[in-house]
Amino acid sequence: MSGDTHEAAKRISNEVFLPALQRAAGEAQKLYGSPGDTLSGAMNAFGEMLLTLAGKRGAVALLRGLADHLEQKAPD
């Protein structure tokens, strides 16, 4: 990913998706009250978005890459 593309992705994340996800998470908590259900719903929606944008193979590859990234980044 080039520097310009990386910067655009960061801006899209911070300016578009993060605020929308925070609003949606707050609404889900109010309606259903369960952090676990809220997280599960968010993950399901994310998976559906990946399928729509990248197709099945692309979604699977992206999720595998994300899992590898989290495994390397996050402490045990």
Protein backbone atom coordinates (compact mmCIF):
# COMPACT_ATOMS: atom_id res chain seq x y z
CA MET A 1 0.00 0.00 0.00
CA SER A 2 1.50 3.33 -1.01
CA GLY A 3 1.86 6.16 1.48
CA ASP A 4 -0.98 8.14 -0.11
CA THR A 5 -3.27 5.10 -0.08
CA HIS A 6 -2.31 4.31 3.52
CA GLU A 7 -3.08 7.89 4.59
CA ALA A 8 -6.42 7.82 2.75
CA ALA A 9 -7.29 4.52 4.46
CA LYS A 10 -6.44 6.00 7.89
CA ARG A 11 -8.61 9.05 7.18
CA ILE A 12 -11.52 6.92 5.97
CA SER A 13 -11.20 4.79 9.09
CA ASN A 14 -11.01 7.71 11.51
CA GLU A 15 -13.41 10.11 9.83
CA VAL A 16 -16.07 7.78 8.40
CA PHE A 17 -16.12 4.26 9.82
CA LEU A 18 -15.05 4.77 13.43
CA PRO A 19 -17.66 7.46 14.23
CA ALA A 20 -20.41 5.41 12.52
CA LEU A 21 -19.39 2.26 14.38
CA GLN A 22 -19.28 4.11 17.70
CA ARG A 23 -22.80 5.45 17.12
CA ALA A 24 -24.05 1.99 16.08
CA ALA A 25 -22.43 0.33 19.09
CA GLY A 26 -24.04 2.86 21.42
CA GLU A 27 -27.44 2.27 19.83
CA ALA A 28 -27.02 -1.52 20.03
CA GLN A 29 -26.07 -1.26 23.74
CA LYS A 30 -29.19 0.82 24.41
CA LEU A 31 -31.45 -1.59 22.54
CA TYR A 32 -29.95 -4.91 23.63
CA GLY A 33 -27.66 -4.09 26.57
CA SER A 34 -25.21 -6.90 26.00
CA PRO A 35 -21.61 -6.03 25.08
CA GLY A 36 -21.18 -9.58 23.77
CA ASP A 37 -24.22 -9.33 21.51
CA THR A 38 -23.11 -5.88 20.35
CA LEU A 39 -19.66 -7.16 19.42
CA SER A 40 -21.09 -10.23 17.72
CA GLY A 41 -23.48 -8.07 15.70
CA ALA A 42 -20.66 -5.76 14.67
CA MET A 43 -18.51 -8.69 13.57
CA ASN A 44 -21.38 -10.18 11.57
CA ALA A 45 -21.95 -6.86 9.81
CA PHE A 46 -18.21 -6.53 9.12
CA GLY A 47 -18.16 -10.03 7.62
CA GLU A 48 -21.12 -9.21 5.38
CA MET A 49 -19.42 -6.01 4.25
CA LEU A 50 -16.25 -7.96 3.39
CA LEU A 51 -18.26 -10.47 1.37
CA THR A 52 -19.97 -7.66 -0.52
CA LEU A 53 -16.78 -5.71 -1.25
CA ALA A 54 -14.22 -8.48 -1.68
CA GLY A 55 -16.14 -11.69 -2.39
CA LYS A 56 -15.75 -14.92 -0.47
CA ARG A 57 -12.09 -15.60 -1.32
CA GLY A 58 -11.08 -12.00 -0.72
CA ALA A 59 -12.96 -11.84 2.58
CA VAL A 60 -11.35 -15.05 3.81
CA ALA A 61 -7.88 -13.82 2.80
CA LEU A 62 -8.42 -10.45 4.50
CA LEU A 63 -9.64 -12.10 7.71
CA ARG A 64 -6.69 -14.49 7.76
CA GLY A 65 -4.35 -11.54 7.32
CA LEU A 66 -6.10 -9.66 10.12
CA ALA A 67 -5.84 -12.70 12.42
CA ASP A 68 -2.11 -12.96 11.69
CA HIS A 69 -1.68 -9.24 12.34
CA LEU A 70 -3.53 -9.44 15.67
CA GLU A 71 -1.61 -12.50 16.72
CA GLN A 72 1.71 -10.74 16.11
CA LYS A 73 0.64 -7.40 17.59
CA ALA A 74 -1.35 -8.29 20.67
CA PRO A 75 0.34 -9.44 23.87
CA ASP A 76 -0.57 -12.90 25.16
